[in-house]
Every structure is written in structure tokens, then in C-alpha cells.
């Protein structure tokens, strides 16, 4: 049984871009507010921004891609063959 999959359009691409910007602003604002309230020291902020923030952005991108229909499963893969005459 074949399943027709509609690829996401330009609206989904724009929504992904705005979602990533909003996620980054939300994350950086949260770090700033935690620093301002005294819960984070400058050393911890360095760790958060260098180690945890990129991981947070990957999670945001994963959730957005799933929600907007960019996710693919094993059935959408096609075999790739190299021409042996080259």
C-alpha cells in the first residue's frame, strides 16, 4: 500500500524559521533572567551557552520538524546506485 505524502510548502519553511528564532530568543531570555535573579554564575552561564544551549536548539528543531511535517521514516528512502561505467 503506497501512501501519498505531501511535502511541506513555503509556509512550513517560514514557520520553522520563525519557530527556531522564537526558541532561541526564549532560551537566551531564560538564561538572562536566571542570571539576573542570581541563580546562575558566569561560569555556569558559559557552560549553559556552550554545552546545553546547542542541545536545546536541536530539540527545538526536532519538535518543529515533526510538527510541521518534515519528518521522514524508512519508507521514504530510495536506494542509491552508482553507475559502474565511470
Protein backbone atom coordinates (compact mmCIF):
# COMPACT_ATOMS: atom_id res chain seq x y z
CA UNK A 1 0.00 0.00 0.00
CA UNK A 2 1.52 3.31 -1.04
CA UNK A 3 0.95 6.42 0.97
CA UNK A 4 0.85 9.81 -0.70
CA UNK A 5 2.97 12.24 1.24
CA UNK A 6 2.61 15.93 0.63
CA UNK A 7 5.85 17.81 1.10
CA UNK A 8 5.76 20.87 3.35
CA UNK A 9 5.42 24.13 1.50
CA UNK A 10 6.84 27.61 1.90
CA UNK A 11 4.53 28.36 4.84
CA UNK A 12 6.05 25.44 6.77
CA UNK A 13 9.55 26.65 5.93
CA UNK A 14 8.72 30.12 7.21
CA UNK A 15 7.08 28.70 10.34
CA UNK A 16 10.18 26.59 11.00
CA UNK A 17 12.44 29.62 10.67
CA UNK A 18 10.29 31.77 12.97
CA UNK A 19 9.96 28.90 15.43
CA UNK A 20 13.72 28.49 15.63
CA UNK A 21 14.17 32.24 16.18
CA UNK A 22 11.48 32.23 18.87
CA UNK A 23 13.05 29.19 20.54
CA UNK A 24 16.48 30.80 20.58
CA UNK A 25 15.13 34.07 21.97
CA UNK A 26 13.14 32.19 24.62
CA UNK A 27 16.21 30.17 25.64
CA UNK A 28 18.53 33.17 25.81
CA UNK A 29 15.93 35.19 27.71
CA UNK A 30 15.56 32.38 30.22
CA UNK A 31 19.33 32.24 30.75
CA UNK A 32 19.43 36.03 31.16
CA UNK A 33 16.60 36.03 33.68
CA UNK A 34 18.22 33.23 35.67
CA UNK A 35 21.49 35.17 35.74
CA UNK A 36 19.76 38.37 36.75
CA UNK A 37 17.91 36.64 39.58
CA UNK A 38 21.22 35.29 40.89
CA UNK A 39 20.62 31.59 40.20
CA UNK A 40 23.46 31.32 37.66
CA UNK A 41 27.08 32.33 37.99
CA UNK A 42 29.13 33.48 34.99
CA UNK A 43 30.93 30.11 34.88
CA UNK A 44 27.63 28.24 34.79
CA UNK A 45 26.33 30.57 32.08
CA UNK A 46 29.39 29.71 29.97
CA UNK A 47 28.63 26.01 30.39
CA UNK A 48 24.95 26.52 29.60
CA UNK A 49 25.66 28.53 26.46
CA UNK A 50 28.44 26.27 25.16
CA UNK A 51 27.10 22.82 26.08
CA UNK A 52 23.39 22.94 26.85
CA UNK A 53 22.07 25.66 24.52
CA UNK A 54 23.05 23.86 21.26
CA UNK A 55 21.38 20.70 22.56
CA UNK A 56 18.28 22.73 23.39
CA UNK A 57 18.22 24.13 19.84
CA UNK A 58 18.48 20.61 18.36
CA UNK A 59 15.49 19.53 20.46
CA UNK A 60 13.53 22.61 19.33
CA UNK A 61 14.38 21.86 15.69
CA UNK A 62 13.33 18.23 16.11
CA UNK A 63 9.99 19.15 17.63
CA UNK A 64 9.31 21.79 14.98
CA UNK A 65 10.20 19.46 12.11
CA UNK A 66 7.92 16.76 13.50
CA UNK A 67 5.06 19.23 13.99
CA UNK A 68 5.46 20.82 10.54
CA UNK A 69 5.72 17.54 8.62
CA UNK A 70 9.42 17.46 7.79
CA UNK A 71 9.85 14.09 9.48
CA UNK A 72 10.51 11.09 7.27
CA UNK A 73 10.52 7.41 8.02
CA UNK A 74 12.23 4.44 6.40
CA UNK A 75 9.58 4.11 3.69
CA UNK A 76 10.52 7.46 2.16
CA UNK A 77 14.10 6.34 1.45
CA UNK A 78 15.12 5.32 -2.04
CA UNK A 79 18.08 3.13 -2.92
CA UNK A 80 21.04 4.94 -4.44
CA UNK A 81 23.08 3.23 -7.14
CA UNK A 82 26.39 4.37 -8.58
CA UNK A 83 26.99 3.90 -12.29
CA UNK A 84 29.92 1.47 -12.60
CA UNK A 85 30.95 2.69 -16.07
CA UNK A 86 32.67 5.79 -14.66
